[in-house]
Amino acid sequence: MGSRLKPVSGEKVIKILSKEYGFSVSGQSGIHVRLSKLTYEGKVVTVVPLHAELRVGTLRNVLKLAKIDPDDFAGHLL
């Protein structure tokens, strides 16, 4: 299970989710930015903390909520 995820800033995660996966910012409370998109299965929502560096575990949870494969996402971090 060698995922290529690495610590990355919340801002960069938001940028990638918006540009590559069609998410848009739907709200913010404090440092947590809510992103959502509509799919044929319904609304998909995830929350990204605006930290300078998200730990890999945090990033995994963000991607899990967003229903995005971590290895696929890691390809956009290069």
PDB file of N, CA and C in Angstrom:
ATOM      1  N   MET A   1       0.848  -1.199   0.000  1.00  0.00           N
ATOM      2  CA  MET A   1       0.000   0.000   0.000  1.00  0.00           C
ATOM      3  C   MET A   1       0.877   1.239   0.000  1.00  0.00           C
ATOM      4  N   GLY A   2       1.692   1.420  -1.036  1.00  0.00           N
ATOM      5  CA  GLY A   2       2.614   2.551  -1.073  1.00  0.00           C
ATOM      6  C   GLY A   2       2.031   3.755  -1.769  1.00  0.00           C
ATOM      7  N   SER A   3       1.198   4.484  -1.072  1.00  0.00           N
ATOM      8  CA  SER A   3       0.634   5.699  -1.642  1.00  0.00           C
ATOM      9  C   SER A   3       1.713   6.771  -1.713  1.00  0.00           C
ATOM     10  N   ARG A   4       1.629   7.606  -2.733  1.00  0.00           N
ATOM     11  CA  ARG A   4       2.644   8.632  -2.908  1.00  0.00           C
ATOM     12  C   ARG A   4       2.197   9.972  -2.315  1.00  0.00           C
ATOM     13  N   LEU A   5       1.235   9.940  -1.427  1.00  0.00           N
ATOM     14  CA  LEU A   5       0.787  11.171  -0.799  1.00  0.00           C
ATOM     15  C   LEU A   5       1.897  11.745   0.061  1.00  0.00           C
ATOM     16  N   LYS A   6       1.974  13.064   0.083  1.00  0.00           N
ATOM     17  CA  LYS A   6       2.944  13.713   0.949  1.00  0.00           C
ATOM     18  C   LYS A   6       2.281  14.933   1.581  1.00  0.00           C
ATOM     19  N   PRO A   7       2.858  15.439   2.676  1.00  0.00           N
ATOM     20  CA  PRO A   7       2.260  16.626   3.300  1.00  0.00           C
ATOM     21  C   PRO A   7       2.189  17.772   2.295  1.00  0.00           C
ATOM     22  N   VAL A   8       1.066  18.472   2.288  1.00  0.00           N
ATOM     23  CA  VAL A   8       0.829  19.532   1.305  1.00  0.00           C
ATOM     24  C   VAL A   8      -0.048  20.587   1.968  1.00  0.00           C
ATOM     25  N   SER A   9      -0.007  21.820   1.476  1.00  0.00           N
ATOM     26  CA  SER A   9      -0.787  22.891   2.110  1.00  0.00           C
ATOM     27  C   SER A   9      -2.279  22.747   1.794  1.00  0.00           C
ATOM     28  N   GLY A  10      -3.109  23.218   2.709  1.00  0.00           N
ATOM     29  CA  GLY A  10      -4.552  23.194   2.501  1.00  0.00           C
ATOM     30  C   GLY A  10      -4.943  23.948   1.246  1.00  0.00           C
ATOM     31  N   GLU A  11      -4.248  25.070   1.011  1.00  0.00           N
ATOM     32  CA  GLU A  11      -4.523  25.898  -0.168  1.00  0.00           C
ATOM     33  C   GLU A  11      -4.299  25.111  -1.454  1.00  0.00           C
ATOM     34  N   LYS A  12      -3.208  24.349  -1.493  1.00  0.00           N
ATOM     35  CA  LYS A  12      -2.902  23.556  -2.685  1.00  0.00           C
ATOM     36  C   LYS A  12      -3.938  22.449  -2.882  1.00  0.00           C
ATOM     37  N   VAL A  13      -4.366  21.828  -1.786  1.00  0.00           N
ATOM     38  CA  VAL A  13      -5.395  20.781  -1.876  1.00  0.00           C
ATOM     39  C   VAL A  13      -6.677  21.363  -2.475  1.00  0.00           C
ATOM     40  N   ILE A  14      -7.073  22.544  -1.988  1.00  0.00           N
ATOM     41  CA  ILE A  14      -8.282  23.201  -2.496  1.00  0.00           C
ATOM     42  C   ILE A  14      -8.136  23.498  -3.986  1.00  0.00           C
ATOM     43  N   LYS A  15      -6.961  23.985  -4.380  1.00  0.00           N
ATOM     44  CA  LYS A  15      -6.706  24.308  -5.780  1.00  0.00           C
ATOM     45  C   LYS A  15      -6.847  23.069  -6.660  1.00  0.00           C
ATOM     46  N   ILE A  16      -6.263  21.953  -6.218  1.00  0.00           N
ATOM     47  CA  ILE A  16      -6.313  20.706  -7.000  1.00  0.00           C
ATOM     48  C   ILE A  16      -7.745  20.160  -7.046  1.00  0.00           C
ATOM     49  N   LEU A  17      -8.440  20.166  -5.896  1.00  0.00           N
ATOM     50  CA  LEU A  17      -9.813  19.659  -5.874  1.00  0.00           C
ATOM     51  C   LEU A  17     -10.706  20.483  -6.812  1.00  0.00           C
ATOM     52  N   SER A  18     -10.476  21.792  -6.857  1.00  0.00           N
ATOM     53  CA  SER A  18     -11.292  22.660  -7.712  1.00  0.00           C
ATOM     54  C   SER A  18     -10.966  22.445  -9.184  1.00  0.00           C
ATOM     55  N   LYS A  19      -9.672  22.493  -9.511  1.00  0.00           N
ATOM     56  CA  LYS A  19      -9.247  22.443 -10.906  1.00  0.00           C
ATOM     57  C   LYS A  19      -9.391  21.057 -11.516  1.00  0.00           C
ATOM     58  N   GLU A  20      -8.982  20.028 -10.776  1.00  0.00           N
ATOM     59  CA  GLU A  20      -8.923  18.685 -11.360  1.00  0.00           C
ATOM     60  C   GLU A  20     -10.172  17.838 -11.106  1.00  0.00           C
ATOM     61  N   TYR A  21     -10.916  18.165 -10.055  1.00  0.00           N
ATOM     62  CA  TYR A  21     -12.032  17.289  -9.677  1.00  0.00           C
ATOM     63  C   TYR A  21     -13.386  17.977  -9.662  1.00  0.00           C
ATOM     64  N   GLY A  22     -13.442  19.246 -10.046  1.00  0.00           N
ATOM     65  CA  GLY A  22     -14.726  19.926 -10.184  1.00  0.00           C
ATOM     66  C   GLY A  22     -15.392  20.382  -8.899  1.00  0.00           C
ATOM     67  N   PHE A  23     -14.640  20.442  -7.799  1.00  0.00           N
ATOM     68  CA  PHE A  23     -15.214  20.939  -6.548  1.00  0.00           C
ATOM     69  C   PHE A  23     -15.238  22.458  -6.559  1.00  0.00           C
ATOM     70  N   SER A  24     -16.166  23.039  -5.800  1.00  0.00           N
ATOM     71  CA  SER A  24     -16.136  24.484  -5.601  1.00  0.00           C
ATOM     72  C   SER A  24     -16.353  24.782  -4.125  1.00  0.00           C
ATOM     73  N   VAL A  25     -15.798  25.896  -3.684  1.00  0.00           N
ATOM     74  CA  VAL A  25     -15.902  26.282  -2.275  1.00  0.00           C
ATOM     75  C   VAL A  25     -17.355  26.625  -1.972  1.00  0.00           C
ATOM     76  N   SER A  26     -17.915  25.975  -0.951  1.00  0.00           N
ATOM     77  CA  SER A  26     -19.322  26.224  -0.623  1.00  0.00           C
ATOM     78  C   SER A  26     -19.484  26.888   0.742  1.00  0.00           C
ATOM     79  N   GLY A  27     -18.375  27.124   1.424  1.00  0.00           N
ATOM     80  CA  GLY A  27     -18.475  27.808   2.706  1.00  0.00           C
ATOM     81  C   GLY A  27     -17.184  27.705   3.482  1.00  0.00           C
ATOM     82  N   GLN A  28     -17.119  28.456   4.569  1.00  0.00           N
ATOM     83  CA  GLN A  28     -15.927  28.418   5.404  1.00  0.00           C
ATOM     84  C   GLN A  28     -16.322  28.769   6.826  1.00  0.00           C
ATOM     85  N   SER A  29     -15.801  28.002   7.786  1.00  0.00           N
ATOM     86  CA  SER A  29     -15.981  28.406   9.175  1.00  0.00           C
ATOM     87  C   SER A  29     -14.613  28.356   9.826  1.00  0.00           C
ATOM     88  N   GLY A  30     -14.116  29.509  10.193  1.00  0.00           N
ATOM     89  CA  GLY A  30     -12.767  29.590  10.723  1.00  0.00           C
ATOM     90  C   GLY A  30     -11.772  29.198   9.652  1.00  0.00           C
ATOM     91  N   ILE A  31     -10.896  28.237   9.998  1.00  0.00           N
ATOM     92  CA  ILE A  31      -9.881  27.824   9.023  1.00  0.00           C
ATOM     93  C   ILE A  31     -10.335  26.639   8.180  1.00  0.00           C
ATOM     94  N   HIS A  32     -11.567  26.178   8.377  1.00  0.00           N
ATOM     95  CA  HIS A  32     -12.052  25.023   7.618  1.00  0.00           C
ATOM     96  C   HIS A  32     -12.860  25.464   6.408  1.00  0.00           C
ATOM     97  N   VAL A  33     -12.400  25.062   5.233  1.00  0.00           N
ATOM     98  CA  VAL A  33     -13.077  25.414   3.992  1.00  0.00           C
ATOM     99  C   VAL A  33     -13.868  24.214   3.513  1.00  0.00           C
ATOM    100  N   ARG A  34     -15.158  24.440   3.248  1.00  0.00           N
ATOM    101  CA  ARG A  34     -16.045  23.378   2.785  1.00  0.00           C
ATOM    102  C   ARG A  34     -16.080  23.414   1.256  1.00  0.00           C
ATOM    103  N   LEU A  35     -15.874  22.267   0.647  1.00  0.00           N
ATOM    104  CA  LEU A  35     -15.963  22.167  -0.812  1.00  0.00           C
ATOM    105  C   LEU A  35     -17.020  21.136  -1.163  1.00  0.00           C
ATOM    106  N   SER A  36     -17.728  21.394  -2.249  1.00  0.00           N
ATOM    107  CA  SER A  36     -18.750  20.437  -2.660  1.00  0.00           C
ATOM    108  C   SER A  36     -18.852  20.390  -4.177  1.00  0.00           C
ATOM    109  N   LYS A  37     -19.422  19.312  -4.637  1.00  0.00           N
ATOM    110  CA  LYS A  37     -19.751  19.197  -6.060  1.00  0.00           C
ATOM    111  C   LYS A  37     -20.932  18.257  -6.188  1.00  0.00           C
ATOM    112  N   LEU A  38     -21.694  18.432  -7.249  1.00  0.00           N
ATOM    113  CA  LEU A  38     -22.833  17.558  -7.501  1.00  0.00           C
ATOM    114  C   LEU A  38     -22.409  16.459  -8.459  1.00  0.00           C
ATOM    115  N   THR A  39     -22.759  15.226  -8.115  1.00  0.00           N
ATOM    116  CA  THR A  39     -22.512  14.114  -9.020  1.00  0.00           C
ATOM    117  C   THR A  39     -23.853  13.430  -9.265  1.00  0.00           C
ATOM    118  N   TYR A  40     -23.871  12.492 -10.172  1.00  0.00           N
ATOM    119  CA  TYR A  40     -25.143  11.801 -10.422  1.00  0.00           C
ATOM    120  C   TYR A  40     -25.562  10.961  -9.220  1.00  0.00           C
ATOM    121  N   GLU A  41     -24.632  10.714  -8.308  1.00  0.00           N
ATOM    122  CA  GLU A  41     -24.974   9.970  -7.085  1.00  0.00           C
ATOM    123  C   GLU A  41     -25.418  10.898  -5.959  1.00  0.00           C
ATOM    124  N   GLY A  42     -25.371  12.196  -6.204  1.00  0.00           N
ATOM    125  CA  GLY A  42     -25.747  13.162  -5.175  1.00  0.00           C
ATOM    126  C   GLY A  42     -24.615  14.126  -4.899  1.00  0.00           C
ATOM    127  N   LYS A  43     -24.762  14.872  -3.813  1.00  0.00           N
ATOM    128  CA  LYS A  43     -23.780  15.894  -3.470  1.00  0.00           C
ATOM    129  C   LYS A  43     -22.610  15.271  -2.703  1.00  0.00           C
ATOM    130  N   VAL A  44     -21.398  15.625  -3.095  1.00  0.00           N
ATOM    131  CA  VAL A  44     -20.194  15.166  -2.404  1.00  0.00           C
ATOM    132  C   VAL A  44     -19.579  16.374  -1.712  1.00  0.00           C
ATOM    133  N   VAL A  45     -19.346  16.250  -0.407  1.00  0.00           N
ATOM    134  CA  VAL A  45     -18.814  17.372   0.368  1.00  0.00           C
ATOM    135  C   VAL A  45     -17.566  16.927   1.120  1.00  0.00           C
ATOM    136  N   THR A  46     -16.577  17.791   1.173  1.00  0.00           N
ATOM    137  CA  THR A  46     -15.384  17.529   1.977  1.00  0.00           C
ATOM    138  C   THR A  46     -14.965  18.826   2.650  1.00  0.00           C
ATOM    139  N   VAL A  47     -14.127  18.726   3.661  1.00  0.00           N
ATOM    140  CA  VAL A  47     -13.670  19.900   4.405  1.00  0.00           C
ATOM    141  C   VAL A  47     -12.154  19.897   4.440  1.00  0.00           C
ATOM    142  N   VAL A  48     -11.558  21.032   4.075  1.00  0.00           N
ATOM    143  CA  VAL A  48     -10.098  21.153   4.056  1.00  0.00           C
ATOM    144  C   VAL A  48      -9.663  22.218   5.054  1.00  0.00           C
ATOM    145  N   PRO A  49      -8.835  21.845   6.044  1.00  0.00           N
ATOM    146  CA  PRO A  49      -8.307  22.866   6.953  1.00  0.00           C
ATOM    147  C   PRO A  49      -7.223  23.682   6.238  1.00  0.00           C
ATOM    148  N   LEU A  50      -7.240  24.994   6.429  1.00  0.00           N
ATOM    149  CA  LEU A  50      -6.265  25.863   5.767  1.00  0.00           C
ATOM    150  C   LEU A  50      -4.949  25.901   6.537  1.00  0.00           C
ATOM    151  N   HIS A  51      -4.307  24.776   6.668  1.00  0.00           N
ATOM    152  CA  HIS A  51      -3.025  24.717   7.346  1.00  0.00           C
ATOM    153  C   HIS A  51      -1.915  24.894   6.310  1.00  0.00           C
ATOM    154  N   ALA A  52      -0.746  25.333   6.777  1.00  0.00           N
ATOM    155  CA  ALA A  52       0.399  25.447   5.872  1.00  0.00           C
ATOM    156  C   ALA A  52       0.802  24.067   5.376  1.00  0.00           C
ATOM    157  N   GLU A  53       0.568  23.053   6.218  1.00  0.00           N
ATOM    158  CA  GLU A  53       0.892  21.686   5.830  1.00  0.00           C
ATOM    159  C   GLU A  53      -0.115  20.719   6.440  1.00  0.00           C
ATOM    160  N   LEU A  54      -0.813  19.983   5.583  1.00  0.00           N
ATOM    161  CA  LEU A  54      -1.732  18.954   6.066  1.00  0.00           C
ATOM    162  C   LEU A  54      -0.947  17.662   6.228  1.00  0.00           C
ATOM    163  N   ARG A  55      -1.122  16.995   7.341  1.00  0.00           N
ATOM    164  CA  ARG A  55      -0.486  15.696   7.511  1.00  0.00           C
ATOM    165  C   ARG A  55      -1.147  14.712   6.551  1.00  0.00           C
ATOM    166  N   VAL A  56      -0.409  13.660   6.221  1.00  0.00           N
ATOM    167  CA  VAL A  56      -0.896  12.675   5.251  1.00  0.00           C
ATOM    168  C   VAL A  56      -2.213  12.056   5.714  1.00  0.00           C
ATOM    169  N   GLY A  57      -2.334  11.763   7.011  1.00  0.00           N
ATOM    170  CA  GLY A  57      -3.581  11.192   7.535  1.00  0.00           C
ATOM    171  C   GLY A  57      -4.764  12.118   7.352  1.00  0.00           C
ATOM    172  N   THR A  58      -4.544  13.412   7.589  1.00  0.00           N
ATOM    173  CA  THR A  58      -5.605  14.416   7.399  1.00  0.00           C
ATOM    174  C   THR A  58      -5.998  14.473   5.927  1.00  0.00           C
ATOM    175  N   LEU A  59      -4.991  14.496   5.064  1.00  0.00           N
ATOM    176  CA  LEU A  59      -5.238  14.539   3.625  1.00  0.00           C
ATOM    177  C   LEU A  59      -6.033  13.309   3.180  1.00  0.00           C
ATOM    178  N   ARG A  60      -5.678  12.140   3.724  1.00  0.00           N
ATOM    179  CA  ARG A  60      -6.417  10.911   3.404  1.00  0.00           C
ATOM    180  C   ARG A  60      -7.898  11.054   3.737  1.00  0.00           C
ATOM    181  N   ASN A  61      -8.190  11.620   4.927  1.00  0.00           N
ATOM    182  CA  ASN A  61      -9.584  11.798   5.335  1.00  0.00           C
ATOM    183  C   ASN A  61     -10.322  12.771   4.425  1.00  0.00           C
ATOM    184  N   VAL A  62      -9.646  13.845   4.025  1.00  0.00           N
ATOM    185  CA  VAL A  62     -10.230  14.812   3.089  1.00  0.00           C
ATOM    186  C   VAL A  62     -10.601  14.098   1.793  1.00  0.00           C
ATOM    187  N   LEU A  63      -9.678  13.279   1.281  1.00  0.00           N
ATOM    188  CA  LEU A  63      -9.905  12.570   0.015  1.00  0.00           C
ATOM    189  C   LEU A  63     -10.979  11.498   0.149  1.00  0.00           C
ATOM    190  N   LYS A  64     -11.038  10.865   1.321  1.00  0.00           N
ATOM    191  CA  LYS A  64     -12.056   9.843   1.562  1.00  0.00           C
ATOM    192  C   LYS A  64     -13.454  10.468   1.482  1.00  0.00           C
ATOM    193  N   LEU A  65     -13.613  11.615   2.140  1.00  0.00           N
ATOM    194  CA  LEU A  65     -14.897  12.329   2.078  1.00  0.00           C
ATOM    195  C   LEU A  65     -15.216  12.749   0.644  1.00  0.00           C
ATOM    196  N   ALA A  66     -14.168  13.139  -0.091  1.00  0.00           N
ATOM    197  CA  ALA A  66     -14.358  13.618  -1.463  1.00  0.00           C
ATOM    198  C   ALA A  66     -14.522  12.464  -2.452  1.00  0.00           C
ATOM    199  N   LYS A  67     -14.372  11.215  -1.958  1.00  0.00           N
ATOM    200  CA  LYS A  67     -14.465  10.021  -2.803  1.00  0.00           C
ATOM    201  C   LYS A  67     -13.428  10.056  -3.929  1.00  0.00           C
ATOM    202  N   ILE A  68     -12.182  10.404  -3.545  1.00  0.00           N
ATOM    203  CA  ILE A  68     -11.084  10.474  -4.511  1.00  0.00           C
ATOM    204  C   ILE A  68     -10.006   9.481  -4.107  1.00  0.00           C
ATOM    205  N   ASP A  69      -9.520   8.738  -5.072  1.00  0.00           N
ATOM    206  CA  ASP A  69      -8.465   7.763  -4.819  1.00  0.00           C
ATOM    207  C   ASP A  69      -7.157   8.496  -4.486  1.00  0.00           C
ATOM    208  N   PRO A  70      -6.553   8.172  -3.337  1.00  0.00           N
ATOM    209  CA  PRO A  70      -5.317   8.865  -2.931  1.00  0.00           C
ATOM    210  C   PRO A  70      -4.203   8.791  -3.972  1.00  0.00           C
ATOM    211  N   ASP A  71      -4.063   7.650  -4.642  1.00  0.00           N
ATOM    212  CA  ASP A  71      -3.011   7.517  -5.651  1.00  0.00           C
ATOM    213  C   ASP A  71      -3.282   8.416  -6.853  1.00  0.00           C
ATOM    214  N   ASP A  72      -4.543   8.545  -7.223  1.00  0.00           N
ATOM    215  CA  ASP A  72      -4.928   9.427  -8.313  1.00  0.00           C
ATOM    216  C   ASP A  72      -4.593  10.876  -7.939  1.00  0.00           C
ATOM    217  N   PHE A  73      -4.944  11.252  -6.707  1.00  0.00           N
ATOM    218  CA  PHE A  73      -4.678  12.612  -6.240  1.00  0.00           C
ATOM    219  C   PHE A  73      -3.176  12.883  -6.198  1.00  0.00           C
ATOM    220  N   ALA A  74      -2.415  11.884  -5.745  1.00  0.00           N
ATOM    221  CA  ALA A  74      -0.957  12.044  -5.626  1.00  0.00           C
ATOM    222  C   ALA A  74      -0.328  12.388  -6.969  1.00  0.00           C
ATOM    223  N   GLY A  75      -0.934  11.916  -8.053  1.00  0.00           N
ATOM    224  CA  GLY A  75      -0.434  12.235  -9.384  1.00  0.00           C
ATOM    225  C   GLY A  75      -0.476  13.715  -9.695  1.00  0.00           C
ATOM    226  N   HIS A  76      -1.333  14.460  -9.011  1.00  0.00           N
ATOM    227  CA  HIS A  76      -1.438  15.911  -9.247  1.00  0.00           C
ATOM    228  C   HIS A  76      -0.480  16.698  -8.360  1.00  0.00           C
ATOM    229  N   LEU A  77       0.227  16.013  -7.471  1.00  0.00           N
ATOM    230  CA  LEU A  77       1.140  16.697  -6.539  1.00  0.00           C
ATOM    231  C   LEU A  77       2.554  16.823  -7.114  1.00  0.00           C
ATOM    232  N   LEU A  78       2.780  16.282  -8.285  1.00  0.00           N
ATOM    233  CA  LEU A  78       4.129  16.274  -8.838  1.00  0.00           C
ATOM    234  C   LEU A  78       4.571  17.653  -9.304  1.00  0.00           C
TER     235      LEU A  78
END
